[in-house]
Amino acid sequence: MAPTFISNRSAAVAAAVFFSLFLTSALAAAEPVLSLEKLGLRRREKLSHLHFYFHDIVSGRNPTAVPVVLPPQANASRSLFGMVVMTDDPLTERPEIGSKLLGRVQGFYASASQTELGFLMVMNFAFVEGKYNGSYLSILGRNTVMSAVREMPVVGGGGLFRFARGYAQAKTYTVNYSTGDAVVEYNVYVFHY
């Protein structure tokens, strides 16, 4: 009986070793080899400064920012806590709405503070002009609207902004308190390849 026990155990060990080697080689074959060239990472990283104006139009027949979630009626806060606004706002070269269109801001902002007008910003700055045409930057951060200058992180992007990182500074240029429409000046500093 002893030799049978040893051969069964040897067969089990051999099967386990074979399965382990098979699984390891199968996983290695399925894992793609990343190419730094294809990812655009062989080039030197550079710092770019982008300057533009964001037009948040909530009034009129064709608003570019629309509330999709309103605060509960029980919420009487002046901060509009709980409101969510979806945007497709134009980005222009100058503060005038008719100036050269550089791109669109697509995403949403949500009132995330019970005590002040403080938004959670989740936005893509999608460019349609010049060398950045077809590229976009992604912003995710806090925007305390009544502050003179607000800073939000650039968390990534696509196209020429793949692997981007940096920050955006927003400064209110004009606001119409009767309509809610606003023009915000943006300075964006971004590292990218």
N, C-alpha and C. Protein backbone atom coordinates (compact mmCIF):
# COMPACT_ATOMS: atom_id res chain seq x y z
N MET A 1 0.80 -1.20 0.00
CA MET A 1 0.00 0.00 0.00
C MET A 1 0.84 1.25 0.00
N ALA A 2 2.00 1.21 0.55
CA ALA A 2 2.85 2.38 0.61
C ALA A 2 3.21 2.89 -0.79
N PRO A 3 3.61 2.01 -1.75
CA PRO A 3 3.96 2.52 -3.07
C PRO A 3 2.78 3.18 -3.78
N THR A 4 1.56 2.69 -3.61
CA THR A 4 0.39 3.29 -4.24
C THR A 4 0.15 4.68 -3.68
N PHE A 5 0.29 4.82 -2.36
CA PHE A 5 0.11 6.12 -1.72
C PHE A 5 1.12 7.14 -2.27
N ILE A 6 2.37 6.74 -2.43
CA ILE A 6 3.40 7.65 -2.93
C ILE A 6 3.12 8.03 -4.37
N SER A 7 2.71 7.09 -5.21
CA SER A 7 2.46 7.43 -6.61
C SER A 7 1.24 8.35 -6.75
N ASN A 8 0.20 8.16 -5.94
CA ASN A 8 -0.96 9.06 -5.99
C ASN A 8 -0.56 10.47 -5.56
N ARG A 9 0.27 10.52 -4.52
CA ARG A 9 0.72 11.82 -4.04
C ARG A 9 1.62 12.48 -5.09
N SER A 10 2.49 11.72 -5.70
CA SER A 10 3.37 12.26 -6.74
C SER A 10 2.56 12.75 -7.92
N ALA A 11 1.54 12.01 -8.28
CA ALA A 11 0.69 12.41 -9.40
C ALA A 11 -0.04 13.70 -9.06
N ALA A 12 -0.51 13.82 -7.83
CA ALA A 12 -1.21 15.04 -7.41
C ALA A 12 -0.26 16.24 -7.43
N VAL A 13 0.96 16.07 -6.96
CA VAL A 13 1.95 17.15 -6.96
C VAL A 13 2.28 17.54 -8.39
N ALA A 14 2.50 16.54 -9.25
CA ALA A 14 2.82 16.81 -10.65
C ALA A 14 1.67 17.56 -11.33
N ALA A 15 0.44 17.17 -11.06
CA ALA A 15 -0.73 17.84 -11.64
C ALA A 15 -0.81 19.29 -11.15
N ALA A 16 -0.54 19.50 -9.86
CA ALA A 16 -0.58 20.86 -9.31
C ALA A 16 0.50 21.73 -9.92
N VAL A 17 1.69 21.18 -10.09
CA VAL A 17 2.79 21.93 -10.69
C VAL A 17 2.45 22.25 -12.15
N PHE A 18 1.94 21.26 -12.90
CA PHE A 18 1.57 21.47 -14.29
C PHE A 18 0.49 22.55 -14.41
N PHE A 19 -0.55 22.46 -13.57
CA PHE A 19 -1.64 23.44 -13.60
C PHE A 19 -1.12 24.84 -13.28
N SER A 20 -0.25 24.94 -12.29
CA SER A 20 0.32 26.23 -11.91
C SER A 20 1.14 26.83 -13.05
N LEU A 21 1.96 26.00 -13.70
CA LEU A 21 2.75 26.49 -14.84
C LEU A 21 1.85 26.88 -16.01
N PHE A 22 0.82 26.07 -16.26
CA PHE A 22 -0.11 26.37 -17.34
C PHE A 22 -0.83 27.69 -17.07
N LEU A 23 -1.33 27.88 -15.86
CA LEU A 23 -2.06 29.10 -15.49
C LEU A 23 -1.14 30.31 -15.58
N THR A 24 0.08 30.20 -15.10
CA THR A 24 1.04 31.31 -15.15
C THR A 24 1.34 31.69 -16.59
N SER A 25 1.58 30.71 -17.45
CA SER A 25 1.89 31.03 -18.84
C SER A 25 0.66 31.58 -19.57
N ALA A 26 -0.51 31.09 -19.24
CA ALA A 26 -1.73 31.60 -19.88
C ALA A 26 -1.99 33.04 -19.48
N LEU A 27 -1.78 33.36 -18.22
CA LEU A 27 -1.97 34.74 -17.77
C LEU A 27 -0.93 35.66 -18.38
N ALA A 28 0.30 35.20 -18.48
CA ALA A 28 1.37 36.02 -19.08
C ALA A 28 1.08 36.28 -20.55
N ALA A 29 0.54 35.29 -21.25
CA ALA A 29 0.24 35.45 -22.66
C ALA A 29 -0.93 36.41 -22.86
N ALA A 30 -1.89 36.42 -21.93
CA ALA A 30 -3.06 37.27 -22.06
C ALA A 30 -2.77 38.72 -21.69
N GLU A 31 -1.71 38.96 -20.91
CA GLU A 31 -1.37 40.31 -20.48
C GLU A 31 -0.63 41.04 -21.60
N PRO A 32 -1.19 42.17 -22.09
CA PRO A 32 -0.52 42.87 -23.18
C PRO A 32 0.76 43.54 -22.70
N VAL A 33 1.71 43.63 -23.59
CA VAL A 33 2.95 44.32 -23.29
C VAL A 33 2.73 45.79 -23.62
N LEU A 34 2.93 46.66 -22.64
CA LEU A 34 2.71 48.09 -22.86
C LEU A 34 3.91 48.70 -23.56
N SER A 35 3.63 49.56 -24.49
CA SER A 35 4.67 50.25 -25.23
C SER A 35 4.67 51.72 -24.84
N LEU A 36 5.80 52.22 -24.34
CA LEU A 36 5.89 53.63 -23.98
C LEU A 36 5.69 54.52 -25.20
N GLU A 37 6.14 54.07 -26.36
CA GLU A 37 5.96 54.85 -27.58
C GLU A 37 4.48 54.99 -27.93
N LYS A 38 3.75 53.87 -27.87
CA LYS A 38 2.32 53.91 -28.20
C LYS A 38 1.54 54.77 -27.22
N LEU A 39 1.98 54.80 -25.96
CA LEU A 39 1.32 55.63 -24.95
C LEU A 39 1.76 57.09 -25.03
N GLY A 40 2.75 57.37 -25.83
CA GLY A 40 3.24 58.74 -25.97
C GLY A 40 4.13 59.19 -24.83
N LEU A 41 4.75 58.25 -24.13
CA LEU A 41 5.54 58.59 -22.94
C LEU A 41 7.04 58.69 -23.19
N ARG A 42 7.49 58.50 -24.40
CA ARG A 42 8.92 58.62 -24.69
C ARG A 42 9.30 60.10 -24.88
N ARG A 43 8.28 60.92 -25.16
CA ARG A 43 8.56 62.34 -25.31
C ARG A 43 8.75 62.98 -23.94
N ARG A 44 9.36 64.15 -23.94
CA ARG A 44 9.55 64.88 -22.68
C ARG A 44 8.24 65.48 -22.21
N GLU A 45 8.03 65.43 -20.93
CA GLU A 45 6.84 66.05 -20.35
C GLU A 45 7.02 67.57 -20.39
N LYS A 46 5.92 68.28 -20.68
CA LYS A 46 6.00 69.74 -20.73
C LYS A 46 4.88 70.35 -19.89
N LEU A 47 5.05 71.59 -19.53
CA LEU A 47 4.05 72.34 -18.78
C LEU A 47 3.40 73.34 -19.73
N SER A 48 2.08 73.27 -19.85
CA SER A 48 1.34 74.21 -20.70
C SER A 48 0.43 75.08 -19.84
N HIS A 49 0.27 76.32 -20.27
CA HIS A 49 -0.67 77.24 -19.63
C HIS A 49 -1.78 77.52 -20.63
N LEU A 50 -3.01 77.21 -20.26
CA LEU A 50 -4.17 77.46 -21.11
C LEU A 50 -5.01 78.55 -20.45
N HIS A 51 -5.54 79.44 -21.26
CA HIS A 51 -6.36 80.55 -20.76
C HIS A 51 -7.61 80.64 -21.62
N PHE A 52 -8.78 80.66 -20.98
CA PHE A 52 -10.03 80.74 -21.72
C PHE A 52 -11.14 81.19 -20.78
N TYR A 53 -12.34 81.36 -21.35
CA TYR A 53 -13.52 81.80 -20.59
C TYR A 53 -14.62 80.76 -20.74
N PHE A 54 -15.26 80.49 -19.65
CA PHE A 54 -16.31 79.48 -19.49
C PHE A 54 -17.62 80.25 -19.37
N HIS A 55 -18.60 79.96 -20.23
CA HIS A 55 -19.88 80.66 -20.22
C HIS A 55 -20.96 79.73 -19.68
N ASP A 56 -21.39 79.97 -18.46
CA ASP A 56 -22.43 79.16 -17.82
C ASP A 56 -23.76 79.88 -18.00
N ILE A 57 -24.55 79.41 -18.94
CA ILE A 57 -25.80 80.08 -19.30
C ILE A 57 -26.97 79.24 -18.80
N VAL A 58 -27.65 79.74 -17.78
CA VAL A 58 -28.77 79.00 -17.18
C VAL A 58 -30.12 79.59 -17.57
N SER A 59 -30.14 80.74 -18.25
CA SER A 59 -31.39 81.40 -18.61
C SER A 59 -31.65 81.31 -20.11
N GLY A 60 -32.81 81.80 -20.51
CA GLY A 60 -33.14 81.89 -21.93
C GLY A 60 -33.69 80.60 -22.52
N ARG A 61 -33.85 80.64 -23.84
CA ARG A 61 -34.45 79.50 -24.56
C ARG A 61 -33.47 78.36 -24.78
N ASN A 62 -32.17 78.63 -24.74
CA ASN A 62 -31.18 77.60 -25.03
C ASN A 62 -30.08 77.60 -23.97
N PRO A 63 -30.43 77.24 -22.73
CA PRO A 63 -29.40 77.25 -21.68
C PRO A 63 -28.34 76.18 -21.94
N THR A 64 -27.12 76.46 -21.48
CA THR A 64 -26.03 75.49 -21.63
C THR A 64 -25.76 74.77 -20.31
N ALA A 65 -26.48 75.16 -19.26
CA ALA A 65 -26.38 74.50 -17.96
C ALA A 65 -27.80 74.35 -17.42
N VAL A 66 -28.20 73.10 -17.17
CA VAL A 66 -29.57 72.85 -16.72
C VAL A 66 -29.59 72.02 -15.44
N PRO A 67 -30.42 72.43 -14.48
CA PRO A 67 -30.54 71.62 -13.26
C PRO A 67 -31.20 70.28 -13.60
N VAL A 68 -30.60 69.20 -13.13
CA VAL A 68 -31.17 67.88 -13.34
C VAL A 68 -31.68 67.29 -12.02
N VAL A 69 -31.21 67.84 -10.90
CA VAL A 69 -31.70 67.46 -9.58
C VAL A 69 -31.86 68.75 -8.79
N LEU A 70 -33.05 68.99 -8.31
CA LEU A 70 -33.29 70.17 -7.49
C LEU A 70 -33.19 69.80 -6.02
N PRO A 71 -32.82 70.78 -5.18
CA PRO A 71 -32.75 70.47 -3.74
C PRO A 71 -34.14 70.12 -3.21
N PRO A 72 -34.20 69.28 -2.20
CA PRO A 72 -35.51 68.95 -1.61
C PRO A 72 -36.19 70.21 -1.08
N GLN A 73 -37.52 70.23 -1.13
CA GLN A 73 -38.28 71.38 -0.64
C GLN A 73 -37.98 71.67 0.83
N ALA A 74 -37.68 70.62 1.58
CA ALA A 74 -37.38 70.80 3.00
C ALA A 74 -36.05 71.52 3.21
N ASN A 75 -35.24 71.56 2.19
CA ASN A 75 -33.93 72.21 2.29
C ASN A 75 -34.10 73.70 2.00
N ALA A 76 -34.02 74.50 3.03
CA ALA A 76 -34.19 75.94 2.87
C ALA A 76 -32.85 76.66 2.87
N SER A 77 -31.76 75.95 2.65
CA SER A 77 -30.44 76.57 2.71
C SER A 77 -30.22 77.49 1.52
N ARG A 78 -29.48 78.55 1.74
CA ARG A 78 -29.14 79.48 0.67
C ARG A 78 -28.07 78.90 -0.24
N SER A 79 -27.47 77.80 0.16
CA SER A 79 -26.40 77.20 -0.65
C SER A 79 -26.94 76.27 -1.73
N LEU A 80 -28.25 76.05 -1.76
CA LEU A 80 -28.88 75.14 -2.73
C LEU A 80 -28.35 73.71 -2.58
N PHE A 81 -28.00 73.34 -1.37
CA PHE A 81 -27.42 72.03 -1.08
C PHE A 81 -28.25 70.91 -1.71
N GLY A 82 -27.59 70.08 -2.51
CA GLY A 82 -28.25 68.95 -3.17
C GLY A 82 -28.57 69.17 -4.63
N MET A 83 -28.46 70.40 -5.13
CA MET A 83 -28.77 70.67 -6.53
C MET A 83 -27.63 70.14 -7.43
N VAL A 84 -28.00 69.55 -8.56
CA VAL A 84 -27.03 69.07 -9.55
C VAL A 84 -27.37 69.72 -10.89
N VAL A 85 -26.34 70.28 -11.53
CA VAL A 85 -26.52 70.98 -12.81
C VAL A 85 -25.62 70.32 -13.86
N MET A 86 -26.22 69.91 -14.98
CA MET A 86 -25.48 69.31 -16.10
C MET A 86 -25.11 70.43 -17.07
N THR A 87 -23.87 70.37 -17.59
CA THR A 87 -23.39 71.46 -18.45
C THR A 87 -22.89 70.98 -19.80
N ASP A 88 -23.04 71.85 -20.76
CA ASP A 88 -22.38 71.78 -22.07
C ASP A 88 -22.08 73.23 -22.44
N ASP A 89 -21.22 73.86 -21.63
CA ASP A 89 -20.93 75.29 -21.73
C ASP A 89 -19.83 75.57 -22.74
N PRO A 90 -19.95 76.68 -23.48
CA PRO A 90 -18.88 77.04 -24.41
C PRO A 90 -17.64 77.59 -23.68
N LEU A 91 -16.48 77.26 -24.23
CA LEU A 91 -15.20 77.84 -23.81
C LEU A 91 -14.76 78.77 -24.93
N THR A 92 -14.50 80.01 -24.60
CA THR A 92 -14.14 80.97 -25.64
C THR A 92 -12.78 81.62 -25.33
N GLU A 93 -12.21 82.19 -26.39
CA GLU A 93 -10.90 82.83 -26.28
C GLU A 93 -10.97 84.11 -25.45
N ARG A 94 -12.06 84.85 -25.57
CA ARG A 94 -12.25 86.12 -24.87
C ARG A 94 -13.55 86.04 -24.06
N PRO A 95 -13.80 87.01 -23.20
CA PRO A 95 -15.01 86.92 -22.36
C PRO A 95 -16.33 87.10 -23.11
N GLU A 96 -16.29 87.63 -24.32
CA GLU A 96 -17.52 87.81 -25.10
C GLU A 96 -17.97 86.47 -25.67
N ILE A 97 -19.26 86.20 -25.57
CA ILE A 97 -19.81 84.92 -26.02
C ILE A 97 -19.56 84.70 -27.52
N GLY A 98 -19.47 85.76 -28.30
CA GLY A 98 -19.26 85.64 -29.74
C GLY A 98 -17.80 85.49 -30.14
N SER A 99 -16.88 85.47 -29.17
CA SER A 99 -15.46 85.32 -29.52
C SER A 99 -15.18 83.88 -29.93
N LYS A 100 -13.98 83.64 -30.40
CA LYS A 100 -13.60 82.33 -30.96
C LYS A 100 -13.89 81.19 -29.98
N LEU A 101 -14.63 80.18 -30.45
CA LEU A 101 -14.96 79.00 -29.65
C LEU A 101 -13.74 78.07 -29.59
N LEU A 102 -13.27 77.78 -28.39
CA LEU A 102 -12.12 76.90 -28.20
C LEU A 102 -12.52 75.48 -27.83
N GLY A 103 -13.72 75.34 -27.25
CA GLY A 103 -14.16 74.03 -26.81
C GLY A 103 -15.44 74.12 -26.02
N ARG A 104 -15.74 73.03 -25.30
CA ARG A 104 -16.96 72.96 -24.49
C ARG A 104 -16.60 72.34 -23.15
N VAL A 105 -17.33 72.78 -22.13
CA VAL A 105 -17.20 72.19 -20.80
C VAL A 105 -18.38 71.25 -20.64
N GLN A 106 -18.11 69.96 -20.55
CA GLN A 106 -19.17 68.97 -20.45
C GLN A 106 -18.99 68.20 -19.16
N GLY A 107 -20.04 68.18 -18.36
CA GLY A 107 -19.99 67.50 -17.07
C GLY A 107 -21.11 67.99 -16.18
N PHE A 108 -20.81 68.06 -14.89
CA PHE A 108 -21.81 68.58 -13.96
C PHE A 108 -21.14 69.24 -12.78
N TYR A 109 -21.93 70.10 -12.12
CA TYR A 109 -21.52 70.62 -10.83
C TYR A 109 -22.68 70.42 -9.88
N ALA A 110 -22.34 70.15 -8.63
CA ALA A 110 -23.35 69.85 -7.62
C ALA A 110 -23.06 70.66 -6.37
N SER A 111 -24.11 71.23 -5.80
CA SER A 111 -23.95 71.98 -4.57
C SER A 111 -23.71 70.99 -3.43
N ALA A 112 -22.49 71.03 -2.89
CA ALA A 112 -22.07 70.01 -1.92
C ALA A 112 -21.83 70.58 -0.52
N SER A 113 -22.21 71.84 -0.30
CA SER A 113 -22.01 72.46 1.01
C SER A 113 -23.35 72.94 1.56
N GLN A 114 -23.55 72.74 2.84
CA GLN A 114 -24.77 73.22 3.49
C GLN A 114 -24.61 74.66 3.98
N THR A 115 -23.38 75.16 4.03
CA THR A 115 -23.16 76.46 4.65
C THR A 115 -22.70 77.55 3.69
N GLU A 116 -22.20 77.19 2.50
CA GLU A 116 -21.74 78.19 1.53
C GLU A 116 -22.02 77.67 0.13
N LEU A 117 -21.89 78.54 -0.85
CA LEU A 117 -22.09 78.13 -2.23
C LEU A 117 -20.80 77.43 -2.68
N GLY A 118 -20.74 76.12 -2.45
CA GLY A 118 -19.57 75.31 -2.75
C GLY A 118 -19.96 74.13 -3.61
N PHE A 119 -19.40 74.07 -4.81
CA PHE A 119 -19.76 73.04 -5.77
C PHE A 119 -18.70 71.95 -5.86
N LEU A 120 -19.16 70.73 -6.07
CA LEU A 120 -18.31 69.63 -6.53
C LEU A 120 -18.32 69.75 -8.05
N MET A 121 -17.15 69.92 -8.66
CA MET A 121 -17.04 70.07 -10.11
C MET A 121 -16.51 68.77 -10.71
N VAL A 122 -17.24 68.22 -11.67
CA VAL A 122 -16.82 67.02 -12.41
C VAL A 122 -16.99 67.38 -13.88
N MET A 123 -15.88 67.76 -14.53
CA MET A 123 -16.00 68.34 -15.86
C MET A 123 -14.88 67.91 -16.78
N ASN A 124 -15.22 67.85 -18.06
CA ASN A 124 -14.24 67.66 -19.13
C ASN A 124 -14.21 68.93 -19.95
N PHE A 125 -13.02 69.50 -20.12
CA PHE A 125 -12.82 70.62 -21.02
C PHE A 125 -12.41 70.03 -22.36
N ALA A 126 -13.38 69.93 -23.27
CA ALA A 126 -13.17 69.28 -24.57
C ALA A 126 -12.86 70.35 -25.61
N PHE A 127 -11.65 70.30 -26.16
CA PHE A 127 -11.20 71.34 -27.08
C PHE A 127 -11.53 71.00 -28.53
N VAL A 128 -11.91 72.04 -29.28
CA VAL A 128 -12.32 71.86 -30.68
C VAL A 128 -11.52 72.73 -31.64
N GLU A 129 -10.45 73.34 -31.14
CA GLU A 129 -9.70 74.31 -31.93
C GLU A 129 -8.20 74.14 -31.73
N GLY A 130 -7.43 74.44 -32.78
CA GLY A 130 -5.98 74.48 -32.68
C GLY A 130 -5.34 73.12 -32.45
N LYS A 131 -4.14 73.13 -31.88
CA LYS A 131 -3.39 71.89 -31.72
C LYS A 131 -4.02 70.93 -30.72
N TYR A 132 -4.91 71.43 -29.85
CA TYR A 132 -5.56 70.57 -28.86
C TYR A 132 -6.93 70.06 -29.34
N ASN A 133 -7.29 70.33 -30.59
CA ASN A 133 -8.55 69.86 -31.15
C ASN A 133 -8.68 68.34 -30.96
N GLY A 134 -9.77 67.90 -30.36
CA GLY A 134 -10.01 66.48 -30.12
C GLY A 134 -9.45 65.99 -28.79
N SER A 135 -8.75 66.83 -28.06
CA SER A 135 -8.20 66.46 -26.75
C SER A 135 -9.07 67.07 -25.65
N TYR A 136 -8.94 66.53 -24.46
CA TYR A 136 -9.72 67.08 -23.34
C TYR A 136 -8.94 66.94 -22.04
N LEU A 137 -9.30 67.80 -21.10
CA LEU A 137 -8.79 67.77 -19.73
C LEU A 137 -9.93 67.45 -18.79
N SER A 138 -9.66 66.66 -17.76
CA SER A 138 -10.68 66.31 -16.77
C SER A 138 -10.37 67.00 -15.45
N ILE A 139 -11.39 67.67 -14.91
CA ILE A 139 -11.29 68.40 -13.65
C ILE A 139 -12.21 67.73 -12.64
N LEU A 140 -11.71 67.59 -11.44
CA LEU A 140 -12.54 67.05 -10.35
C LEU A 140 -12.11 67.77 -9.08
N GLY A 141 -13.01 68.57 -8.51
CA GLY A 141 -12.61 69.30 -7.32
C GLY A 141 -13.70 70.17 -6.76
N ARG A 142 -13.29 71.00 -5.81
CA ARG A 142 -14.18 71.87 -5.05
C ARG A 142 -14.11 73.29 -5.60
N ASN A 143 -15.27 73.91 -5.76
CA ASN A 143 -15.35 75.27 -6.28
C ASN A 143 -16.22 76.08 -5.33
N THR A 144 -15.58 76.88 -4.47
CA THR A 144 -16.33 77.78 -3.58
C THR A 144 -16.56 79.07 -4.36
N VAL A 145 -17.73 79.18 -4.92
CA VAL A 145 -18.05 80.18 -5.93
C VAL A 145 -17.81 81.62 -5.48
N MET A 146 -18.00 81.92 -4.21
CA MET A 146 -17.85 83.30 -3.75
C MET A 146 -16.40 83.67 -3.45
N SER A 147 -15.48 82.74 -3.53
CA SER A 147 -14.06 83.06 -3.36
C SER A 147 -13.55 83.78 -4.60
N ALA A 148 -12.59 84.68 -4.44
CA ALA A 148 -12.07 85.45 -5.57
C ALA A 148 -11.44 84.52 -6.61
N VAL A 149 -10.62 83.58 -6.16
CA VAL A 149 -9.99 82.61 -7.06
C VAL A 149 -10.18 81.23 -6.47
N ARG A 150 -10.61 80.29 -7.30
CA ARG A 150 -10.81 78.91 -6.85
C ARG A 150 -9.84 78.02 -7.60
N GLU A 151 -9.31 77.02 -6.90
CA GLU A 151 -8.34 76.11 -7.52
C GLU A 151 -8.90 74.69 -7.49
N MET A 152 -8.83 74.04 -8.65
CA MET A 152 -9.32 72.67 -8.77
C MET A 152 -8.27 71.82 -9.48
N PRO A 153 -8.11 70.57 -9.09
CA PRO A 153 -7.09 69.73 -9.73
C PRO A 153 -7.51 69.22 -11.11
N VAL A 154 -6.51 69.14 -11.99
CA VAL A 154 -6.65 68.42 -13.26
C VAL A 154 -6.26 66.99 -12.94
N VAL A 155 -7.18 66.06 -13.15
CA VAL A 155 -6.95 64.67 -12.76
C VAL A 155 -6.64 63.75 -13.93
N GLY A 156 -6.62 64.29 -15.14
CA GLY A 156 -6.32 63.46 -16.30
C GLY A 156 -6.80 64.13 -17.56
N GLY A 157 -6.89 63.32 -18.60
CA GLY A 157 -7.35 63.84 -19.88
C GLY A 157 -7.19 62.80 -20.96
N GLY A 158 -7.41 63.23 -22.18
CA GLY A 158 -7.30 62.34 -23.32
C GLY A 158 -6.69 63.07 -24.51
N GLY A 159 -6.32 62.30 -25.52
CA GLY A 159 -5.67 62.89 -26.69
C GLY A 159 -4.29 63.39 -26.31
N LEU A 160 -3.98 64.63 -26.63
CA LEU A 160 -2.68 65.19 -26.27
C LEU A 160 -2.53 65.39 -24.76
N PHE A 161 -3.63 65.26 -24.04
CA PHE A 161 -3.58 65.42 -22.58
C PHE A 161 -3.63 64.08 -21.84
N ARG A 162 -3.33 62.98 -22.53
CA ARG A 162 -3.26 61.68 -21.87
C ARG A 162 -2.20 61.75 -20.77
N PHE A 163 -2.50 61.24 -19.60
CA PHE A 163 -1.63 61.27 -18.42
C PHE A 163 -1.44 62.68 -17.87
N ALA A 164 -2.34 63.61 -18.16
CA ALA A 164 -2.21 65.00 -17.70
C ALA A 164 -2.39 65.09 -16.19
N ARG A 165 -1.72 66.11 -15.62
CA ARG A 165 -1.92 66.45 -14.23
C ARG A 165 -1.61 67.93 -14.07
N GLY A 166 -2.28 68.56 -13.12
CA GLY A 166 -2.06 69.99 -12.91
C GLY A 166 -3.19 70.58 -12.12
N TYR A 167 -3.46 71.88 -12.38
CA TYR A 167 -4.55 72.53 -11.66
C TYR A 167 -5.16 73.62 -12.53
N ALA A 168 -6.39 73.95 -12.19
CA ALA A 168 -7.12 75.02 -12.87
C ALA A 168 -7.49 76.07 -11.84
N GLN A 169 -7.31 77.33 -12.21
CA GLN A 169 -7.76 78.43 -11.36
C GLN A 169 -8.94 79.10 -12.05
N ALA A 170 -10.03 79.24 -11.31
CA ALA A 170 -11.23 79.87 -11.84
C ALA A 170 -11.45 81.20 -11.12
N LYS A 171 -11.83 82.21 -11.90
CA LYS A 171 -12.10 83.53 -11.34
C LYS A 171 -13.33 84.08 -12.04
N THR A 172 -14.36 84.44 -11.29
CA THR A 172 -15.58 84.97 -11.89
C THR A 172 -15.27 86.28 -12.60
N TYR A 173 -15.62 86.33 -13.88
CA TYR A 173 -15.40 87.53 -14.68
C TYR A 173 -16.64 88.43 -14.59
N THR A 174 -17.80 87.85 -14.87
CA THR A 174 -19.07 88.57 -14.69
C THR A 174 -20.13 87.58 -14.24
N VAL A 175 -21.12 88.09 -13.54
CA VAL A 175 -22.28 87.29 -13.17
C VAL A 175 -23.50 88.20 -13.21
N ASN A 176 -24.59 87.69 -13.78
CA ASN A 176 -25.85 88.41 -13.81
C ASN A 176 -26.72 87.80 -12.71
N TYR A 177 -26.88 88.52 -11.62
CA TYR A 177 -27.60 87.96 -10.46
C TYR A 177 -29.10 87.79 -10.72
N SER A 178 -29.64 88.47 -11.71
CA SER A 178 -31.07 88.28 -12.00
C SER A 178 -31.31 87.03 -12.85
N THR A 179 -30.38 86.68 -13.75
CA THR A 179 -30.58 85.49 -14.59
C THR A 179 -29.79 84.28 -14.09
N GLY A 180 -28.69 84.52 -13.38
CA GLY A 180 -27.81 83.43 -12.94
C GLY A 180 -26.72 83.10 -13.93
N ASP A 181 -26.72 83.76 -15.11
CA ASP A 181 -25.68 83.53 -16.11
C ASP A 181 -24.34 84.06 -15.61
N ALA A 182 -23.26 83.36 -15.93
CA ALA A 182 -21.94 83.77 -15.47
C ALA A 182 -20.89 83.50 -16.54
N VAL A 183 -19.85 84.32 -16.50
CA VAL A 183 -18.65 84.11 -17.31
C VAL A 183 -17.51 83.95 -16.32
N VAL A 184 -16.77 82.85 -16.46
CA VAL A 184 -15.69 82.55 -15.53
C VAL A 184 -14.39 82.44 -16.32
N GLU A 185 -13.38 83.15 -15.85
CA GLU A 185 -12.06 83.10 -16.48
C GLU A 185 -11.28 81.92 -15.89
N TYR A 186 -10.68 81.13 -16.76
CA TYR A 186 -9.89 79.97 -16.33
C TYR A 186 -8.44 80.12 -16.78
N ASN A 187 -7.53 79.84 -15.86
CA ASN A 187 -6.11 79.65 -16.14
C ASN A 187 -5.79 78.23 -15.72
N VAL A 188 -5.35 77.43 -16.67
CA VAL A 188 -5.07 76.02 -16.41
C VAL A 188 -3.58 75.77 -16.64
N TYR A 189 -2.94 75.16 -15.66
CA TYR A 189 -1.53 74.80 -15.75
C TYR A 189 -1.46 73.28 -15.71
N VAL A 190 -0.95 72.69 -16.79
CA VAL A 190 -1.04 71.25 -16.92
C VAL A 190 0.27 70.66 -17.45
N PHE A 191 0.74 69.60 -16.77
CA PHE A 191 1.85 68.81 -17.26
C PHE A 191 1.27 67.73 -18.17
N HIS A 192 1.87 67.56 -19.33
CA HIS A 192 1.44 66.52 -20.27
C HIS A 192 2.59 66.20 -21.21
N TYR A 193 2.43 65.15 -22.00
CA TYR A 193 3.48 64.71 -22.92
C TYR A 193 3.24 65.26 -24.30
